[in-house]
Amino acid sequence: APWVRHASGQLGAEVAAAAAGLSVWPPEDAVAVDVSDLYEQLAERGYGYGPVFQGLRAVWRRGDEVFAEVALPAGEVESA
């Protein structure tokens, strides 16, 4: 089957400037999504993510758009 892009983003070592249309964070009219037990839910479905891959901190949804804050766990930045 051909690859399908489901998301795109940019990673960087420094805090990025706000993207066009995102002068307010979290985005206006976006609704917060509870991710407090996300990794437990994924584990129950057979997806195992180690601590380094549990970087999702916050998520908001606005229509069909999803916005997220993702960060490496403390102590992992140097080895990334």
PDB file of N, CA and C in Angstrom:
ATOM      1  N   ALA A   1       0.849  -1.186   0.000  1.00  0.00           N
ATOM      2  CA  ALA A   1       0.000   0.000   0.000  1.00  0.00           C
ATOM      3  C   ALA A   1       0.885   1.236   0.000  1.00  0.00           C
ATOM      4  N   PRO A   2       0.465   2.277  -0.668  1.00  0.00           N
ATOM      5  CA  PRO A   2       1.258   3.508  -0.685  1.00  0.00           C
ATOM      6  C   PRO A   2       1.224   4.194   0.682  1.00  0.00           C
ATOM      7  N   TRP A   3       2.271   4.964   0.953  1.00  0.00           N
ATOM      8  CA  TRP A   3       2.348   5.725   2.199  1.00  0.00           C
ATOM      9  C   TRP A   3       1.317   6.838   2.170  1.00  0.00           C
ATOM     10  N   VAL A   4       0.715   7.100   3.324  1.00  0.00           N
ATOM     11  CA  VAL A   4      -0.242   8.186   3.474  1.00  0.00           C
ATOM     12  C   VAL A   4       0.245   9.095   4.591  1.00  0.00           C
ATOM     13  N   ARG A   5       0.404  10.368   4.294  1.00  0.00           N
ATOM     14  CA  ARG A   5       0.829  11.312   5.331  1.00  0.00           C
ATOM     15  C   ARG A   5      -0.380  11.656   6.193  1.00  0.00           C
ATOM     16  N   HIS A   6      -0.263  11.395   7.486  1.00  0.00           N
ATOM     17  CA  HIS A   6      -1.333  11.710   8.424  1.00  0.00           C
ATOM     18  C   HIS A   6      -1.052  12.990   9.194  1.00  0.00           C
ATOM     19  N   ALA A   7       0.205  13.373   9.272  1.00  0.00           N
ATOM     20  CA  ALA A   7       0.571  14.581  10.015  1.00  0.00           C
ATOM     21  C   ALA A   7       1.917  15.073   9.523  1.00  0.00           C
ATOM     22  N   SER A   8       2.193  16.310   9.786  1.00  0.00           N
ATOM     23  CA  SER A   8       3.509  16.860   9.492  1.00  0.00           C
ATOM     24  C   SER A   8       3.875  17.829  10.600  1.00  0.00           C
ATOM     25  N   GLY A   9       5.149  18.081  10.757  1.00  0.00           N
ATOM     26  CA  GLY A   9       5.600  18.985  11.804  1.00  0.00           C
ATOM     27  C   GLY A   9       7.068  19.274  11.644  1.00  0.00           C
ATOM     28  N   GLN A  10       7.583  20.048  12.560  1.00  0.00           N
ATOM     29  CA  GLN A  10       8.994  20.378  12.559  1.00  0.00           C
ATOM     30  C   GLN A  10       9.539  20.179  13.959  1.00  0.00           C
ATOM     31  N   LEU A  11      10.735  19.613  14.051  1.00  0.00           N
ATOM     32  CA  LEU A  11      11.417  19.428  15.322  1.00  0.00           C
ATOM     33  C   LEU A  11      12.643  20.311  15.335  1.00  0.00           C
ATOM     34  N   GLY A  12      12.957  20.852  16.478  1.00  0.00           N
ATOM     35  CA  GLY A  12      14.145  21.683  16.592  1.00  0.00           C
ATOM     36  C   GLY A  12      14.597  21.766  18.034  1.00  0.00           C
ATOM     37  N   ALA A  13      15.847  22.114  18.225  1.00  0.00           N
ATOM     38  CA  ALA A  13      16.407  22.216  19.569  1.00  0.00           C
ATOM     39  C   ALA A  13      15.993  23.507  20.260  1.00  0.00           C
ATOM     40  N   GLU A  14      15.561  24.486  19.505  1.00  0.00           N
ATOM     41  CA  GLU A  14      15.185  25.775  20.067  1.00  0.00           C
ATOM     42  C   GLU A  14      13.684  25.983  19.939  1.00  0.00           C
ATOM     43  N   VAL A  15      13.160  26.856  20.777  1.00  0.00           N
ATOM     44  CA  VAL A  15      11.742  27.175  20.704  1.00  0.00           C
ATOM     45  C   VAL A  15      11.483  27.912  19.397  1.00  0.00           C
ATOM     46  N   ALA A  16      10.521  27.414  18.643  1.00  0.00           N
ATOM     47  CA  ALA A  16      10.206  28.003  17.335  1.00  0.00           C
ATOM     48  C   ALA A  16       9.307  29.218  17.500  1.00  0.00           C
ATOM     49  N   ALA A  17       9.400  30.104  16.559  1.00  0.00           N
ATOM     50  CA  ALA A  17       8.486  31.246  16.532  1.00  0.00           C
ATOM     51  C   ALA A  17       7.093  30.741  16.184  1.00  0.00           C
ATOM     52  N   ALA A  18       6.098  31.464  16.578  1.00  0.00           N
ATOM     53  CA  ALA A  18       4.719  31.056  16.298  1.00  0.00           C
ATOM     54  C   ALA A  18       4.490  30.966  14.792  1.00  0.00           C
ATOM     55  N   ALA A  19       3.800  29.926  14.377  1.00  0.00           N
ATOM     56  CA  ALA A  19       3.473  29.753  12.959  1.00  0.00           C
ATOM     57  C   ALA A  19       2.418  30.778  12.551  1.00  0.00           C
ATOM     58  N   ALA A  20       2.308  30.990  11.273  1.00  0.00           N
ATOM     59  CA  ALA A  20       1.307  31.929  10.769  1.00  0.00           C
ATOM     60  C   ALA A  20      -0.071  31.515  11.258  1.00  0.00           C
ATOM     61  N   GLY A  21      -0.810  32.471  11.761  1.00  0.00           N
ATOM     62  CA  GLY A  21      -2.145  32.175  12.250  1.00  0.00           C
ATOM     63  C   GLY A  21      -2.176  31.637  13.670  1.00  0.00           C
ATOM     64  N   LEU A  22      -1.038  31.510  14.297  1.00  0.00           N
ATOM     65  CA  LEU A  22      -0.983  31.007  15.671  1.00  0.00           C
ATOM     66  C   LEU A  22      -0.351  32.050  16.589  1.00  0.00           C
ATOM     67  N   SER A  23      -0.895  33.234  16.593  1.00  0.00           N
ATOM     68  CA  SER A  23      -0.354  34.283  17.447  1.00  0.00           C
ATOM     69  C   SER A  23      -0.748  34.083  18.901  1.00  0.00           C
ATOM     70  N   VAL A  24      -1.726  33.218  19.154  1.00  0.00           N
ATOM     71  CA  VAL A  24      -2.177  32.903  20.509  1.00  0.00           C
ATOM     72  C   VAL A  24      -2.001  31.409  20.727  1.00  0.00           C
ATOM     73  N   TRP A  25      -1.449  31.045  21.879  1.00  0.00           N
ATOM     74  CA  TRP A  25      -1.276  29.623  22.195  1.00  0.00           C
ATOM     75  C   TRP A  25      -1.839  29.343  23.557  1.00  0.00           C
ATOM     76  N   PRO A  26      -2.667  28.334  23.693  1.00  0.00           N
ATOM     77  CA  PRO A  26      -3.194  27.466  22.643  1.00  0.00           C
ATOM     78  C   PRO A  26      -4.083  28.251  21.680  1.00  0.00           C
ATOM     79  N   PRO A  27      -4.292  27.699  20.498  1.00  0.00           N
ATOM     80  CA  PRO A  27      -5.066  28.400  19.472  1.00  0.00           C
ATOM     81  C   PRO A  27      -6.470  28.769  19.957  1.00  0.00           C
ATOM     82  N   GLU A  28      -6.918  29.938  19.539  1.00  0.00           N
ATOM     83  CA  GLU A  28      -8.268  30.368  19.896  1.00  0.00           C
ATOM     84  C   GLU A  28      -9.295  29.379  19.358  1.00  0.00           C
ATOM     85  N   ASP A  29     -10.349  29.194  20.100  1.00  0.00           N
ATOM     86  CA  ASP A  29     -11.455  28.307  19.729  1.00  0.00           C
ATOM     87  C   ASP A  29     -11.071  26.835  19.707  1.00  0.00           C
ATOM     88  N   ALA A  30      -9.878  26.501  20.147  1.00  0.00           N
ATOM     89  CA  ALA A  30      -9.478  25.092  20.206  1.00  0.00           C
ATOM     90  C   ALA A  30      -9.933  24.517  21.545  1.00  0.00           C
ATOM     91  N   VAL A  31     -10.316  23.265  21.527  1.00  0.00           N
ATOM     92  CA  VAL A  31     -10.814  22.581  22.718  1.00  0.00           C
ATOM     93  C   VAL A  31      -9.740  21.626  23.216  1.00  0.00           C
ATOM     94  N   ALA A  32      -9.442  21.705  24.502  1.00  0.00           N
ATOM     95  CA  ALA A  32      -8.427  20.831  25.092  1.00  0.00           C
ATOM     96  C   ALA A  32      -8.889  19.376  25.046  1.00  0.00           C
ATOM     97  N   VAL A  33      -7.947  18.481  24.795  1.00  0.00           N
ATOM     98  CA  VAL A  33      -8.193  17.042  24.781  1.00  0.00           C
ATOM     99  C   VAL A  33      -7.456  16.449  25.973  1.00  0.00           C
ATOM    100  N   ASP A  34      -8.135  15.644  26.765  1.00  0.00           N
ATOM    101  CA  ASP A  34      -7.505  15.027  27.933  1.00  0.00           C
ATOM    102  C   ASP A  34      -6.551  13.927  27.478  1.00  0.00           C
ATOM    103  N   VAL A  35      -5.265  14.096  27.752  1.00  0.00           N
ATOM    104  CA  VAL A  35      -4.261  13.094  27.390  1.00  0.00           C
ATOM    105  C   VAL A  35      -3.599  12.509  28.635  1.00  0.00           C
ATOM    106  N   SER A  36      -4.202  12.741  29.813  1.00  0.00           N
ATOM    107  CA  SER A  36      -3.578  12.319  31.064  1.00  0.00           C
ATOM    108  C   SER A  36      -3.362  10.811  31.142  1.00  0.00           C
ATOM    109  N   ASP A  37      -4.233  10.030  30.540  1.00  0.00           N
ATOM    110  CA  ASP A  37      -4.062   8.574  30.580  1.00  0.00           C
ATOM    111  C   ASP A  37      -3.873   7.979  29.180  1.00  0.00           C
ATOM    112  N   LEU A  38      -3.423   8.788  28.248  1.00  0.00           N
ATOM    113  CA  LEU A  38      -3.264   8.343  26.862  1.00  0.00           C
ATOM    114  C   LEU A  38      -2.356   7.132  26.743  1.00  0.00           C
ATOM    115  N   TYR A  39      -1.188   7.182  27.377  1.00  0.00           N
ATOM    116  CA  TYR A  39      -0.231   6.084  27.209  1.00  0.00           C
ATOM    117  C   TYR A  39      -0.721   4.803  27.888  1.00  0.00           C
ATOM    118  N   GLU A  40      -1.499   4.928  28.955  1.00  0.00           N
ATOM    119  CA  GLU A  40      -2.108   3.744  29.568  1.00  0.00           C
ATOM    120  C   GLU A  40      -3.139   3.133  28.621  1.00  0.00           C
ATOM    121  N   GLN A  41      -3.937   3.984  27.981  1.00  0.00           N
ATOM    122  CA  GLN A  41      -4.925   3.492  27.016  1.00  0.00           C
ATOM    123  C   GLN A  41      -4.247   2.800  25.841  1.00  0.00           C
ATOM    124  N   LEU A  42      -3.161   3.385  25.360  1.00  0.00           N
ATOM    125  CA  LEU A  42      -2.434   2.769  24.247  1.00  0.00           C
ATOM    126  C   LEU A  42      -1.838   1.429  24.659  1.00  0.00           C
ATOM    127  N   ALA A  43      -1.310   1.345  25.875  1.00  0.00           N
ATOM    128  CA  ALA A  43      -0.738   0.087  26.367  1.00  0.00           C
ATOM    129  C   ALA A  43      -1.806  -1.002  26.440  1.00  0.00           C
ATOM    130  N   GLU A  44      -3.015  -0.635  26.854  1.00  0.00           N
ATOM    131  CA  GLU A  44      -4.116  -1.601  26.906  1.00  0.00           C
ATOM    132  C   GLU A  44      -4.459  -2.142  25.523  1.00  0.00           C
ATOM    133  N   ARG A  45      -4.137  -1.391  24.488  1.00  0.00           N
ATOM    134  CA  ARG A  45      -4.404  -1.814  23.111  1.00  0.00           C
ATOM    135  C   ARG A  45      -3.195  -2.479  22.468  1.00  0.00           C
ATOM    136  N   GLY A  46      -2.138  -2.675  23.268  1.00  0.00           N
ATOM    137  CA  GLY A  46      -0.968  -3.377  22.761  1.00  0.00           C
ATOM    138  C   GLY A  46       0.157  -2.502  22.255  1.00  0.00           C
ATOM    139  N   TYR A  47       0.034  -1.200  22.417  1.00  0.00           N
ATOM    140  CA  TYR A  47       1.091  -0.284  21.982  1.00  0.00           C
ATOM    141  C   TYR A  47       1.961   0.065  23.180  1.00  0.00           C
ATOM    142  N   GLY A  48       3.229  -0.295  23.112  1.00  0.00           N
ATOM    143  CA  GLY A  48       4.138  -0.019  24.215  1.00  0.00           C
ATOM    144  C   GLY A  48       5.114   1.085  23.858  1.00  0.00           C
ATOM    145  N   TYR A  49       5.018   2.195  24.537  1.00  0.00           N
ATOM    146  CA  TYR A  49       5.930   3.317  24.320  1.00  0.00           C
ATOM    147  C   TYR A  49       6.787   3.486  25.565  1.00  0.00           C
ATOM    148  N   GLY A  50       8.111   3.415  25.381  1.00  0.00           N
ATOM    149  CA  GLY A  50       9.018   3.642  26.492  1.00  0.00           C
ATOM    150  C   GLY A  50       8.994   5.102  26.909  1.00  0.00           C
ATOM    151  N   PRO A  51       9.647   5.424  28.024  1.00  0.00           N
ATOM    152  CA  PRO A  51       9.603   6.783  28.563  1.00  0.00           C
ATOM    153  C   PRO A  51      10.059   7.863  27.581  1.00  0.00           C
ATOM    154  N   VAL A  52      11.038   7.565  26.753  1.00  0.00           N
ATOM    155  CA  VAL A  52      11.539   8.573  25.813  1.00  0.00           C
ATOM    156  C   VAL A  52      10.493   8.899  24.751  1.00  0.00           C
ATOM    157  N   PHE A  53       9.582   7.983  24.490  1.00  0.00           N
ATOM    158  CA  PHE A  53       8.562   8.189  23.462  1.00  0.00           C
ATOM    159  C   PHE A  53       7.208   8.573  24.055  1.00  0.00           C
ATOM    160  N   GLN A  54       7.213   9.055  25.285  1.00  0.00           N
ATOM    161  CA  GLN A  54       5.983   9.521  25.924  1.00  0.00           C
ATOM    162  C   GLN A  54       6.052  11.028  26.127  1.00  0.00           C
ATOM    163  N   GLY A  55       6.255  11.740  25.045  1.00  0.00           N
ATOM    164  CA  GLY A  55       6.477  13.175  25.124  1.00  0.00           C
ATOM    165  C   GLY A  55       5.268  14.062  24.909  1.00  0.00           C
ATOM    166  N   LEU A  56       4.109  13.483  24.661  1.00  0.00           N
ATOM    167  CA  LEU A  56       2.918  14.297  24.426  1.00  0.00           C
ATOM    168  C   LEU A  56       2.495  14.954  25.737  1.00  0.00           C
ATOM    169  N   ARG A  57       2.479  16.272  25.762  1.00  0.00           N
ATOM    170  CA  ARG A  57       2.169  17.019  26.984  1.00  0.00           C
ATOM    171  C   ARG A  57       0.761  17.597  26.987  1.00  0.00           C
ATOM    172  N   ALA A  58       0.305  18.094  25.836  1.00  0.00           N
ATOM    173  CA  ALA A  58      -1.021  18.710  25.753  1.00  0.00           C
ATOM    174  C   ALA A  58      -1.502  18.649  24.310  1.00  0.00           C
ATOM    175  N   VAL A  59      -2.827  18.561  24.147  1.00  0.00           N
ATOM    176  CA  VAL A  59      -3.436  18.489  22.813  1.00  0.00           C
ATOM    177  C   VAL A  59      -4.696  19.344  22.809  1.00  0.00           C
ATOM    178  N   TRP A  60      -4.914  20.013  21.687  1.00  0.00           N
ATOM    179  CA  TRP A  60      -6.131  20.784  21.462  1.00  0.00           C
ATOM    180  C   TRP A  60      -6.670  20.427  20.087  1.00  0.00           C
ATOM    181  N   ARG A  61      -7.978  20.503  19.941  1.00  0.00           N
ATOM    182  CA  ARG A  61      -8.622  20.223  18.656  1.00  0.00           C
ATOM    183  C   ARG A  61      -9.489  21.422  18.274  1.00  0.00           C
ATOM    184  N   ARG A  62      -9.413  21.777  16.995  1.00  0.00           N
ATOM    185  CA  ARG A  62     -10.250  22.848  16.439  1.00  0.00           C
ATOM    186  C   ARG A  62     -10.721  22.356  15.085  1.00  0.00           C
ATOM    187  N   GLY A  63     -11.966  21.908  15.044  1.00  0.00           N
ATOM    188  CA  GLY A  63     -12.481  21.330  13.800  1.00  0.00           C
ATOM    189  C   GLY A  63     -11.686  20.097  13.441  1.00  0.00           C
ATOM    190  N   ASP A  64     -11.139  20.060  12.225  1.00  0.00           N
ATOM    191  CA  ASP A  64     -10.344  18.905  11.813  1.00  0.00           C
ATOM    192  C   ASP A  64      -8.850  19.122  12.040  1.00  0.00           C
ATOM    193  N   GLU A  65      -8.479  20.187  12.767  1.00  0.00           N
ATOM    194  CA  GLU A  65      -7.079  20.455  13.083  1.00  0.00           C
ATOM    195  C   GLU A  65      -6.759  19.961  14.491  1.00  0.00           C
ATOM    196  N   VAL A  66      -5.541  19.486  14.674  1.00  0.00           N
ATOM    197  CA  VAL A  66      -5.065  19.057  15.987  1.00  0.00           C
ATOM    198  C   VAL A  66      -3.759  19.780  16.271  1.00  0.00           C
ATOM    199  N   PHE A  67      -3.645  20.330  17.474  1.00  0.00           N
ATOM    200  CA  PHE A  67      -2.451  21.042  17.906  1.00  0.00           C
ATOM    201  C   PHE A  67      -1.901  20.319  19.130  1.00  0.00           C
ATOM    202  N   ALA A  68      -0.587  20.212  19.213  1.00  0.00           N
ATOM    203  CA  ALA A  68      -0.005  19.456  20.319  1.00  0.00           C
ATOM    204  C   ALA A  68       1.263  20.113  20.835  1.00  0.00           C
ATOM    205  N   GLU A  69       1.516  19.903  22.122  1.00  0.00           N
ATOM    206  CA  GLU A  69       2.795  20.251  22.729  1.00  0.00           C
ATOM    207  C   GLU A  69       3.495  18.936  23.023  1.00  0.00           C
ATOM    208  N   VAL A  70       4.698  18.796  22.482  1.00  0.00           N
ATOM    209  CA  VAL A  70       5.479  17.570  22.635  1.00  0.00           C
ATOM    210  C   VAL A  70       6.864  17.965  23.114  1.00  0.00           C
ATOM    211  N   ALA A  71       7.391  17.231  24.084  1.00  0.00           N
ATOM    212  CA  ALA A  71       8.726  17.534  24.609  1.00  0.00           C
ATOM    213  C   ALA A  71       9.416  16.246  25.024  1.00  0.00           C
ATOM    214  N   LEU A  72      10.727  16.231  24.894  1.00  0.00           N
ATOM    215  CA  LEU A  72      11.502  15.103  25.406  1.00  0.00           C
ATOM    216  C   LEU A  72      11.464  15.131  26.925  1.00  0.00           C
ATOM    217  N   PRO A  73      11.469  13.966  27.567  1.00  0.00           N
ATOM    218  CA  PRO A  73      11.528  13.936  29.022  1.00  0.00           C
ATOM    219  C   PRO A  73      12.825  14.571  29.521  1.00  0.00           C
ATOM    220  N   ALA A  74      12.784  15.109  30.725  1.00  0.00           N
ATOM    221  CA  ALA A  74      13.977  15.703  31.329  1.00  0.00           C
ATOM    222  C   ALA A  74      15.107  14.686  31.318  1.00  0.00           C
ATOM    223  N   GLY A  75      16.294  15.127  30.993  1.00  0.00           N
ATOM    224  CA  GLY A  75      17.450  14.242  30.957  1.00  0.00           C
ATOM    225  C   GLY A  75      17.693  13.574  29.623  1.00  0.00           C
ATOM    226  N   GLU A  76      16.771  13.658  28.700  1.00  0.00           N
ATOM    227  CA  GLU A  76      16.917  13.003  27.399  1.00  0.00           C
ATOM    228  C   GLU A  76      17.333  13.963  26.295  1.00  0.00           C
ATOM    229  N   VAL A  77      17.308  15.247  26.559  1.00  0.00           N
ATOM    230  CA  VAL A  77      17.613  16.237  25.529  1.00  0.00           C
ATOM    231  C   VAL A  77      19.040  16.065  25.018  1.00  0.00           C
ATOM    232  N   GLU A  78      19.991  15.846  25.911  1.00  0.00           N
ATOM    233  CA  GLU A  78      21.391  15.729  25.508  1.00  0.00           C
ATOM    234  C   GLU A  78      21.652  14.506  24.635  1.00  0.00           C
ATOM    235  N   SER A  79      20.910  13.431  24.842  1.00  0.00           N
ATOM    236  CA  SER A  79      21.157  12.207  24.077  1.00  0.00           C
ATOM    237  C   SER A  79      20.348  12.141  22.789  1.00  0.00           C
ATOM    238  N   ALA A  80      19.512  13.137  22.561  1.00  0.00           N
ATOM    239  CA  ALA A  80      18.664  13.121  21.363  1.00  0.00           C
ATOM    240  C   ALA A  80      19.468  13.431  20.117  1.00  0.00           C
TER     241      ALA A  80
END
